[in-house]
Amino acid sequence: MNNFVFPIYKSNTVNAYRNTFGQFDKDSLEKKGNFDFCLREEKSGKFVLERITEGKVPNAHRMTVICPHHDQHRMTAIDNHTFICTECDPRLSH
C-alpha cells in the first residue's frame, strides 16, 4: 500500500483546500501535526480525503479542493470522501 499522501490546507487566497508542498509519507505528517487533512491518490484522477489528526473526516461535498497536480482545477466530490479530477483523467467526467 502506498503511504504517500498530499497534505492539504485551507488557502484564504483561493478560498479552497490545496496542496503546494508536494507528496509526503503519512506517518511523518502524523508526527509533525501541522496538517489536519490529506489526499491519497487511489488512481489517476481519483483522490480519497483522509484525516491526519484524530477526528472525523468532513463531508467532501462541503469542501472545495484544488487538484494537487493541476493548481487551478477544482475537483468534484463523487461521494462523502472521494474527489475526482477531470484534468488528470478526462474519462472520469462520464
PDB file of N, CA and C in Angstrom:
ATOM      1  N   MET A   1       0.834  -1.186   0.000  1.00  0.00           N
ATOM      2  CA  MET A   1       0.000   0.000   0.000  1.00  0.00           C
ATOM      3  C   MET A   1       0.873   1.241   0.000  1.00  0.00           C
ATOM      4  N   ASN A   2       0.525   2.194  -0.826  1.00  0.00           N
ATOM      5  CA  ASN A   2       1.258   3.445  -0.912  1.00  0.00           C
ATOM      6  C   ASN A   2       0.882   4.325   0.272  1.00  0.00           C
ATOM      7  N   ASN A   3       1.885   4.711   1.055  1.00  0.00           N
ATOM      8  CA  ASN A   3       1.644   5.513   2.243  1.00  0.00           C
ATOM      9  C   ASN A   3       1.905   6.995   1.982  1.00  0.00           C
ATOM     10  N   PHE A   4       2.120   7.378   0.732  1.00  0.00           N
ATOM     11  CA  PHE A   4       2.396   8.774   0.402  1.00  0.00           C
ATOM     12  C   PHE A   4       1.097   9.506   0.101  1.00  0.00           C
ATOM     13  N   VAL A   5       0.957  10.695   0.681  1.00  0.00           N
ATOM     14  CA  VAL A   5      -0.266  11.483   0.561  1.00  0.00           C
ATOM     15  C   VAL A   5       0.090  12.939   0.270  1.00  0.00           C
ATOM     16  N   PHE A   6      -0.905  13.692  -0.153  1.00  0.00           N
ATOM     17  CA  PHE A   6      -0.774  15.129  -0.361  1.00  0.00           C
ATOM     18  C   PHE A   6      -1.424  15.851   0.817  1.00  0.00           C
ATOM     19  N   PRO A   7      -0.650  16.492   1.699  1.00  0.00           N
ATOM     20  CA  PRO A   7      -1.281  17.257   2.778  1.00  0.00           C
ATOM     21  C   PRO A   7      -1.967  18.487   2.190  1.00  0.00           C
ATOM     22  N   ILE A   8      -3.150  18.813   2.686  1.00  0.00           N
ATOM     23  CA  ILE A   8      -3.868  19.984   2.172  1.00  0.00           C
ATOM     24  C   ILE A   8      -4.149  20.957   3.313  1.00  0.00           C
ATOM     25  N   TYR A   9      -4.219  22.209   2.982  1.00  0.00           N
ATOM     26  CA  TYR A   9      -4.521  23.258   3.946  1.00  0.00           C
ATOM     27  C   TYR A   9      -5.519  24.218   3.329  1.00  0.00           C
ATOM     28  N   LYS A  10      -6.221  24.954   4.164  1.00  0.00           N
ATOM     29  CA  LYS A  10      -7.217  25.932   3.687  1.00  0.00           C
ATOM     30  C   LYS A  10      -6.482  27.201   3.264  1.00  0.00           C
ATOM     31  N   SER A  11      -6.589  27.532   1.994  1.00  0.00           N
ATOM     32  CA  SER A  11      -5.979  28.736   1.449  1.00  0.00           C
ATOM     33  C   SER A  11      -7.026  29.841   1.399  1.00  0.00           C
ATOM     34  N   ASN A  12      -6.764  30.926   2.090  1.00  0.00           N
ATOM     35  CA  ASN A  12      -7.684  32.065   2.058  1.00  0.00           C
ATOM     36  C   ASN A  12      -7.611  32.814   0.733  1.00  0.00           C
ATOM     37  N   THR A  13      -6.511  32.669   0.007  1.00  0.00           N
ATOM     38  CA  THR A  13      -6.344  33.335  -1.282  1.00  0.00           C
ATOM     39  C   THR A  13      -7.344  32.822  -2.312  1.00  0.00           C
ATOM     40  N   VAL A  14      -7.501  31.502  -2.381  1.00  0.00           N
ATOM     41  CA  VAL A  14      -8.415  30.909  -3.363  1.00  0.00           C
ATOM     42  C   VAL A  14      -9.685  30.365  -2.710  1.00  0.00           C
ATOM     43  N   ASN A  15      -9.790  30.506  -1.395  1.00  0.00           N
ATOM     44  CA  ASN A  15     -10.943  30.028  -0.629  1.00  0.00           C
ATOM     45  C   ASN A  15     -11.227  28.549  -0.906  1.00  0.00           C
ATOM     46  N   ALA A  16     -10.159  27.750  -0.838  1.00  0.00           N
ATOM     47  CA  ALA A  16     -10.275  26.309  -1.073  1.00  0.00           C
ATOM     48  C   ALA A  16      -9.098  25.613  -0.406  1.00  0.00           C
ATOM     49  N   TYR A  17      -9.240  24.301  -0.245  1.00  0.00           N
ATOM     50  CA  TYR A  17      -8.128  23.499   0.255  1.00  0.00           C
ATOM     51  C   TYR A  17      -7.200  23.200  -0.917  1.00  0.00           C
ATOM     52  N   ARG A  18      -5.888  23.245  -0.641  1.00  0.00           N
ATOM     53  CA  ARG A  18      -4.917  23.000  -1.700  1.00  0.00           C
ATOM     54  C   ARG A  18      -3.632  22.430  -1.141  1.00  0.00           C
ATOM     55  N   ASN A  19      -2.810  21.918  -2.024  1.00  0.00           N
ATOM     56  CA  ASN A  19      -1.501  21.379  -1.681  1.00  0.00           C
ATOM     57  C   ASN A  19      -0.456  22.134  -2.480  1.00  0.00           C
ATOM     58  N   THR A  20       0.507  22.688  -1.804  1.00  0.00           N
ATOM     59  CA  THR A  20       1.620  23.322  -2.514  1.00  0.00           C
ATOM     60  C   THR A  20       2.953  22.784  -2.030  1.00  0.00           C
ATOM     61  N   PHE A  21       2.911  21.755  -1.211  1.00  0.00           N
ATOM     62  CA  PHE A  21       4.125  21.254  -0.574  1.00  0.00           C
ATOM     63  C   PHE A  21       4.652  19.965  -1.177  1.00  0.00           C
ATOM     64  N   GLY A  22       3.853  19.276  -1.973  1.00  0.00           N
ATOM     65  CA  GLY A  22       4.285  18.018  -2.558  1.00  0.00           C
ATOM     66  C   GLY A  22       3.649  16.833  -1.874  1.00  0.00           C
ATOM     67  N   GLN A  23       4.254  15.681  -2.064  1.00  0.00           N
ATOM     68  CA  GLN A  23       3.720  14.425  -1.545  1.00  0.00           C
ATOM     69  C   GLN A  23       4.638  13.938  -0.430  1.00  0.00           C
ATOM     70  N   PHE A  24       4.048  13.497   0.700  1.00  0.00           N
ATOM     71  CA  PHE A  24       4.827  13.110   1.864  1.00  0.00           C
ATOM     72  C   PHE A  24       4.330  11.778   2.421  1.00  0.00           C
ATOM     73  N   ASP A  25       5.177  11.173   3.234  1.00  0.00           N
ATOM     74  CA  ASP A  25       4.801   9.964   3.940  1.00  0.00           C
ATOM     75  C   ASP A  25       3.801  10.325   5.030  1.00  0.00           C
ATOM     76  N   LYS A  26       2.681   9.614   5.089  1.00  0.00           N
ATOM     77  CA  LYS A  26       1.616   9.946   6.041  1.00  0.00           C
ATOM     78  C   LYS A  26       2.093   9.828   7.489  1.00  0.00           C
ATOM     79  N   ASP A  27       2.948   8.853   7.781  1.00  0.00           N
ATOM     80  CA  ASP A  27       3.445   8.688   9.149  1.00  0.00           C
ATOM     81  C   ASP A  27       4.233   9.906   9.620  1.00  0.00           C
ATOM     82  N   SER A  28       5.029  10.490   8.739  1.00  0.00           N
ATOM     83  CA  SER A  28       5.799  11.676   9.136  1.00  0.00           C
ATOM     84  C   SER A  28       4.880  12.880   9.365  1.00  0.00           C
ATOM     85  N   LEU A  29       3.790  12.974   8.614  1.00  0.00           N
ATOM     86  CA  LEU A  29       2.836  14.067   8.815  1.00  0.00           C
ATOM     87  C   LEU A  29       2.092  13.922  10.138  1.00  0.00           C
ATOM     88  N   GLU A  30       1.793  12.676  10.526  1.00  0.00           N
ATOM     89  CA  GLU A  30       1.119  12.441  11.805  1.00  0.00           C
ATOM     90  C   GLU A  30       1.998  12.888  12.970  1.00  0.00           C
ATOM     91  N   LYS A  31       3.296  12.686  12.847  1.00  0.00           N
ATOM     92  CA  LYS A  31       4.224  13.074  13.922  1.00  0.00           C
ATOM     93  C   LYS A  31       4.369  14.583  14.032  1.00  0.00           C
ATOM     94  N   LYS A  32       4.396  15.272  12.894  1.00  0.00           N
ATOM     95  CA  LYS A  32       4.573  16.728  12.912  1.00  0.00           C
ATOM     96  C   LYS A  32       3.327  17.461  13.360  1.00  0.00           C
ATOM     97  N   GLY A  33       2.156  17.002  12.958  1.00  0.00           N
ATOM     98  CA  GLY A  33       0.902  17.598  13.386  1.00  0.00           C
ATOM     99  C   GLY A  33       0.578  18.954  12.789  1.00  0.00           C
ATOM    100  N   ASN A  34       1.159  19.297  11.647  1.00  0.00           N
ATOM    101  CA  ASN A  34       0.904  20.596  11.026  1.00  0.00           C
ATOM    102  C   ASN A  34      -0.361  20.622  10.170  1.00  0.00           C
ATOM    103  N   PHE A  35      -0.830  19.465   9.746  1.00  0.00           N
ATOM    104  CA  PHE A  35      -1.971  19.392   8.836  1.00  0.00           C
ATOM    105  C   PHE A  35      -3.067  18.519   9.435  1.00  0.00           C
ATOM    106  N   ASP A  36      -4.310  18.863   9.117  1.00  0.00           N
ATOM    107  CA  ASP A  36      -5.446  18.069   9.579  1.00  0.00           C
ATOM    108  C   ASP A  36      -5.899  17.049   8.544  1.00  0.00           C
ATOM    109  N   PHE A  37      -5.799  17.416   7.246  1.00  0.00           N
ATOM    110  CA  PHE A  37      -6.337  16.573   6.182  1.00  0.00           C
ATOM    111  C   PHE A  37      -5.293  16.297   5.108  1.00  0.00           C
ATOM    112  N   CYS A  38      -5.512  15.206   4.376  1.00  0.00           N
ATOM    113  CA  CYS A  38      -4.644  14.880   3.249  1.00  0.00           C
ATOM    114  C   CYS A  38      -5.472  14.175   2.180  1.00  0.00           C
ATOM    115  N   LEU A  39      -4.896  14.103   0.991  1.00  0.00           N
ATOM    116  CA  LEU A  39      -5.499  13.382  -0.129  1.00  0.00           C
ATOM    117  C   LEU A  39      -4.593  12.222  -0.496  1.00  0.00           C
ATOM    118  N   ARG A  40      -5.172  11.039  -0.596  1.00  0.00           N
ATOM    119  CA  ARG A  40      -4.444   9.872  -1.071  1.00  0.00           C
ATOM    120  C   ARG A  40      -4.933   9.575  -2.476  1.00  0.00           C
ATOM    121  N   GLU A  41      -4.011   9.491  -3.413  1.00  0.00           N
ATOM    122  CA  GLU A  41      -4.390   9.234  -4.806  1.00  0.00           C
ATOM    123  C   GLU A  41      -4.542   7.730  -5.016  1.00  0.00           C
ATOM    124  N   GLU A  42      -5.780   7.292  -5.226  1.00  0.00           N
ATOM    125  CA  GLU A  42      -6.052   5.871  -5.451  1.00  0.00           C
ATOM    126  C   GLU A  42      -5.620   5.431  -6.833  1.00  0.00           C
ATOM    127  N   LYS A  43      -5.977   6.219  -7.819  1.00  0.00           N
ATOM    128  CA  LYS A  43      -5.544   6.009  -9.198  1.00  0.00           C
ATOM    129  C   LYS A  43      -5.543   7.379  -9.851  1.00  0.00           C
ATOM    130  N   SER A  44      -5.101   7.453 -11.064  1.00  0.00           N
ATOM    131  CA  SER A  44      -5.001   8.749 -11.727  1.00  0.00           C
ATOM    132  C   SER A  44      -6.338   9.481 -11.727  1.00  0.00           C
ATOM    133  N   GLY A  45      -6.363  10.627 -11.068  1.00  0.00           N
ATOM    134  CA  GLY A  45      -7.557  11.455 -11.049  1.00  0.00           C
ATOM    135  C   GLY A  45      -8.553  11.158  -9.954  1.00  0.00           C
ATOM    136  N   LYS A  46      -8.334  10.117  -9.156  1.00  0.00           N
ATOM    137  CA  LYS A  46      -9.257   9.760  -8.069  1.00  0.00           C
ATOM    138  C   LYS A  46      -8.525   9.877  -6.740  1.00  0.00           C
ATOM    139  N   PHE A  47      -9.033  10.765  -5.876  1.00  0.00           N
ATOM    140  CA  PHE A  47      -8.393  11.069  -4.604  1.00  0.00           C
ATOM    141  C   PHE A  47      -9.345  10.796  -3.445  1.00  0.00           C
ATOM    142  N   VAL A  48      -8.824  10.222  -2.377  1.00  0.00           N
ATOM    143  CA  VAL A  48      -9.614   9.947  -1.178  1.00  0.00           C
ATOM    144  C   VAL A  48      -9.170  10.912  -0.082  1.00  0.00           C
ATOM    145  N   LEU A  49     -10.138  11.582   0.523  1.00  0.00           N
ATOM    146  CA  LEU A  49      -9.882  12.509   1.617  1.00  0.00           C
ATOM    147  C   LEU A  49      -9.692  11.722   2.904  1.00  0.00           C
ATOM    148  N   GLU A  50      -8.586  11.997   3.605  1.00  0.00           N
ATOM    149  CA  GLU A  50      -8.302  11.327   4.866  1.00  0.00           C
ATOM    150  C   GLU A  50      -7.955  12.369   5.916  1.00  0.00           C
ATOM    151  N   ARG A  51      -8.151  11.998   7.152  1.00  0.00           N
ATOM    152  CA  ARG A  51      -7.800  12.885   8.266  1.00  0.00           C
ATOM    153  C   ARG A  51      -6.464  12.431   8.823  1.00  0.00           C
ATOM    154  N   ILE A  52      -5.534  13.368   9.026  1.00  0.00           N
ATOM    155  CA  ILE A  52      -4.229  13.049   9.592  1.00  0.00           C
ATOM    156  C   ILE A  52      -4.314  13.057  11.115  1.00  0.00           C
ATOM    157  N   THR A  53      -4.950  14.077  11.659  1.00  0.00           N
ATOM    158  CA  THR A  53      -5.137  14.153  13.106  1.00  0.00           C
ATOM    159  C   THR A  53      -6.368  13.344  13.489  1.00  0.00           C
ATOM    160  N   GLU A  54      -6.568  13.162  14.775  1.00  0.00           N
ATOM    161  CA  GLU A  54      -7.740  12.407  15.223  1.00  0.00           C
ATOM    162  C   GLU A  54      -9.011  13.205  14.986  1.00  0.00           C
ATOM    163  N   GLY A  55     -10.070  12.494  14.722  1.00  0.00           N
ATOM    164  CA  GLY A  55     -11.352  13.141  14.481  1.00  0.00           C
ATOM    165  C   GLY A  55     -12.009  12.588  13.239  1.00  0.00           C
ATOM    166  N   LYS A  56     -13.159  13.151  12.949  1.00  0.00           N
ATOM    167  CA  LYS A  56     -13.957  12.721  11.803  1.00  0.00           C
ATOM    168  C   LYS A  56     -13.504  13.417  10.523  1.00  0.00           C
ATOM    169  N   VAL A  57     -13.612  12.700   9.431  1.00  0.00           N
ATOM    170  CA  VAL A  57     -13.341  13.288   8.116  1.00  0.00           C
ATOM    171  C   VAL A  57     -14.578  14.082   7.708  1.00  0.00           C
ATOM    172  N   PRO A  58     -14.412  15.335   7.269  1.00  0.00           N
ATOM    173  CA  PRO A  58     -15.580  16.116   6.855  1.00  0.00           C
ATOM    174  C   PRO A  58     -16.186  15.571   5.567  1.00  0.00           C
ATOM    175  N   ASN A  59     -17.398  15.969   5.302  1.00  0.00           N
ATOM    176  CA  ASN A  59     -18.086  15.575   4.084  1.00  0.00           C
ATOM    177  C   ASN A  59     -17.427  16.277   2.897  1.00  0.00           C
ATOM    178  N   ALA A  60     -16.987  15.504   1.925  1.00  0.00           N
ATOM    179  CA  ALA A  60     -16.288  16.055   0.762  1.00  0.00           C
ATOM    180  C   ALA A  60     -17.167  17.002  -0.050  1.00  0.00           C
ATOM    181  N   HIS A  61     -18.473  16.787  -0.025  1.00  0.00           N
ATOM    182  CA  HIS A  61     -19.387  17.651  -0.769  1.00  0.00           C
ATOM    183  C   HIS A  61     -19.395  19.083  -0.223  1.00  0.00           C
ATOM    184  N   ARG A  62     -18.989  19.246   1.011  1.00  0.00           N
ATOM    185  CA  ARG A  62     -18.979  20.578   1.639  1.00  0.00           C
ATOM    186  C   ARG A  62     -17.617  21.264   1.550  1.00  0.00           C
ATOM    187  N   MET A  63     -16.668  20.639   0.869  1.00  0.00           N
ATOM    188  CA  MET A  63     -15.327  21.197   0.753  1.00  0.00           C
ATOM    189  C   MET A  63     -15.027  21.554  -0.696  1.00  0.00           C
ATOM    190  N   THR A  64     -14.250  22.588  -0.877  1.00  0.00           N
ATOM    191  CA  THR A  64     -13.715  22.926  -2.191  1.00  0.00           C
ATOM    192  C   THR A  64     -12.234  22.589  -2.153  1.00  0.00           C
ATOM    193  N   VAL A  65     -11.802  21.703  -3.052  1.00  0.00           N
ATOM    194  CA  VAL A  65     -10.419  21.231  -3.048  1.00  0.00           C
ATOM    195  C   VAL A  65      -9.824  21.397  -4.442  1.00  0.00           C
ATOM    196  N   ILE A  66      -8.619  21.941  -4.479  1.00  0.00           N
ATOM    197  CA  ILE A  66      -7.865  22.122  -5.727  1.00  0.00           C
ATOM    198  C   ILE A  66      -7.011  20.879  -5.959  1.00  0.00           C
ATOM    199  N   CYS A  67      -6.952  20.410  -7.193  1.00  0.00           N
ATOM    200  CA  CYS A  67      -6.154  19.235  -7.537  1.00  0.00           C
ATOM    201  C   CYS A  67      -4.671  19.486  -7.236  1.00  0.00           C
ATOM    202  N   PRO A  68      -3.993  18.530  -6.592  1.00  0.00           N
ATOM    203  CA  PRO A  68      -2.574  18.704  -6.303  1.00  0.00           C
ATOM    204  C   PRO A  68      -1.697  18.734  -7.558  1.00  0.00           C
ATOM    205  N   HIS A  69      -2.202  18.186  -8.660  1.00  0.00           N
ATOM    206  CA  HIS A  69      -1.430  18.157  -9.902  1.00  0.00           C
ATOM    207  C   HIS A  69      -1.745  19.336 -10.826  1.00  0.00           C
ATOM    208  N   HIS A  70      -2.953  19.874 -10.715  1.00  0.00           N
ATOM    209  CA  HIS A  70      -3.406  20.971 -11.585  1.00  0.00           C
ATOM    210  C   HIS A  70      -3.817  22.130 -10.686  1.00  0.00           C
ATOM    211  N   ASP A  71      -2.935  23.074 -10.528  1.00  0.00           N
ATOM    212  CA  ASP A  71      -3.017  24.098  -9.481  1.00  0.00           C
ATOM    213  C   ASP A  71      -4.301  24.913  -9.448  1.00  0.00           C
ATOM    214  N   GLN A  72      -5.005  25.085 -10.535  1.00  0.00           N
ATOM    215  CA  GLN A  72      -6.208  25.912 -10.529  1.00  0.00           C
ATOM    216  C   GLN A  72      -7.493  25.123 -10.751  1.00  0.00           C
ATOM    217  N   HIS A  73      -7.398  23.814 -10.887  1.00  0.00           N
ATOM    218  CA  HIS A  73      -8.575  22.997 -11.192  1.00  0.00           C
ATOM    219  C   HIS A  73      -9.258  22.520  -9.917  1.00  0.00           C
ATOM    220  N   ARG A  74     -10.526  22.875  -9.762  1.00  0.00           N
ATOM    221  CA  ARG A  74     -11.307  22.431  -8.599  1.00  0.00           C
ATOM    222  C   ARG A  74     -11.838  21.032  -8.874  1.00  0.00           C
ATOM    223  N   MET A  75     -11.632  20.162  -7.909  1.00  0.00           N
ATOM    224  CA  MET A  75     -12.059  18.772  -8.067  1.00  0.00           C
ATOM    225  C   MET A  75     -13.540  18.624  -7.709  1.00  0.00           C
ATOM    226  N   THR A  76     -14.140  17.522  -8.145  1.00  0.00           N
ATOM    227  CA  THR A  76     -15.541  17.229  -7.918  1.00  0.00           C
ATOM    228  C   THR A  76     -15.661  16.098  -6.910  1.00  0.00           C
ATOM    229  N   ALA A  77     -16.513  16.291  -5.891  1.00  0.00           N
ATOM    230  CA  ALA A  77     -16.775  15.231  -4.914  1.00  0.00           C
ATOM    231  C   ALA A  77     -17.777  14.257  -5.517  1.00  0.00           C
ATOM    232  N   ILE A  78     -17.446  12.967  -5.479  1.00  0.00           N
ATOM    233  CA  ILE A  78     -18.369  11.961  -6.016  1.00  0.00           C
ATOM    234  C   ILE A  78     -19.070  11.181  -4.905  1.00  0.00           C
ATOM    235  N   ASP A  79     -18.548  11.265  -3.695  1.00  0.00           N
ATOM    236  CA  ASP A  79     -19.230  10.726  -2.517  1.00  0.00           C
ATOM    237  C   ASP A  79     -18.715  11.499  -1.306  1.00  0.00           C
ATOM    238  N   ASN A  80     -18.962  10.999  -0.114  1.00  0.00           N
ATOM    239  CA  ASN A  80     -18.625  11.754   1.091  1.00  0.00           C
ATOM    240  C   ASN A  80     -17.131  11.885   1.375  1.00  0.00           C
ATOM    241  N   HIS A  81     -16.293  11.105   0.698  1.00  0.00           N
ATOM    242  CA  HIS A  81     -14.857  11.181   0.968  1.00  0.00           C
ATOM    243  C   HIS A  81     -13.971  11.009  -0.274  1.00  0.00           C
ATOM    244  N   THR A  82     -14.537  11.080  -1.458  1.00  0.00           N
ATOM    245  CA  THR A  82     -13.770  10.873  -2.684  1.00  0.00           C
ATOM    246  C   THR A  82     -13.951  12.038  -3.652  1.00  0.00           C
ATOM    247  N   PHE A  83     -12.825  12.479  -4.216  1.00  0.00           N
ATOM    248  CA  PHE A  83     -12.817  13.533  -5.234  1.00  0.00           C
ATOM    249  C   PHE A  83     -12.274  12.965  -6.534  1.00  0.00           C
ATOM    250  N   ILE A  84     -12.709  13.560  -7.651  1.00  0.00           N
ATOM    251  CA  ILE A  84     -12.118  13.227  -8.943  1.00  0.00           C
ATOM    252  C   ILE A  84     -11.635  14.506  -9.610  1.00  0.00           C
ATOM    253  N   CYS A  85     -10.600  14.347 -10.410  1.00  0.00           N
ATOM    254  CA  CYS A  85     -10.071  15.464 -11.195  1.00  0.00           C
ATOM    255  C   CYS A  85     -10.177  15.083 -12.665  1.00  0.00           C
ATOM    256  N   THR A  86     -10.983  15.805 -13.400  1.00  0.00           N
ATOM    257  CA  THR A  86     -11.163  15.510 -14.819  1.00  0.00           C
ATOM    258  C   THR A  86      -9.997  16.005 -15.666  1.00  0.00           C
ATOM    259  N   GLU A  87      -9.116  16.796 -15.080  1.00  0.00           N
ATOM    260  CA  GLU A  87      -7.899  17.213 -15.792  1.00  0.00           C
ATOM    261  C   GLU A  87      -6.869  16.067 -15.761  1.00  0.00           C
ATOM    262  N   CYS A  88      -6.813  15.339 -14.649  1.00  0.00           N
ATOM    263  CA  CYS A  88      -5.889  14.194 -14.535  1.00  0.00           C
ATOM    264  C   CYS A  88      -6.314  13.062 -15.468  1.00  0.00           C
ATOM    265  N   ASP A  89      -7.609  12.791 -15.488  1.00  0.00           N
ATOM    266  CA  ASP A  89      -8.145  11.719 -16.321  1.00  0.00           C
ATOM    267  C   ASP A  89      -9.501  12.149 -16.866  1.00  0.00           C
ATOM    268  N   PRO A  90      -9.549  12.641 -18.110  1.00  0.00           N
ATOM    269  CA  PRO A  90     -10.806  13.125 -18.684  1.00  0.00           C
ATOM    270  C   PRO A  90     -11.919  12.073 -18.733  1.00  0.00           C
ATOM    271  N   ARG A  91     -11.577  10.796 -18.702  1.00  0.00           N
ATOM    272  CA  ARG A  91     -12.593   9.734 -18.737  1.00  0.00           C
ATOM    273  C   ARG A  91     -13.456   9.738 -17.484  1.00  0.00           C
ATOM    274  N   LEU A  92     -12.995  10.353 -16.402  1.00  0.00           N
ATOM    275  CA  LEU A  92     -13.765  10.397 -15.156  1.00  0.00           C
ATOM    276  C   LEU A  92     -14.952  11.343 -15.225  1.00  0.00           C
ATOM    277  N   SER A  93     -15.024  12.164 -16.243  1.00  0.00           N
ATOM    278  CA  SER A  93     -16.124  13.127 -16.339  1.00  0.00           C
ATOM    279  C   SER A  93     -17.435  12.457 -16.737  1.00  0.00           C
ATOM    280  N   HIS A  94     -17.406  11.205 -17.130  1.00  0.00           N
ATOM    281  CA  HIS A  94     -18.628  10.499 -17.559  1.00  0.00           C
ATOM    282  C   HIS A  94     -19.263   9.786 -16.430  1.00  0.00           C
TER     283      HIS A  94
END
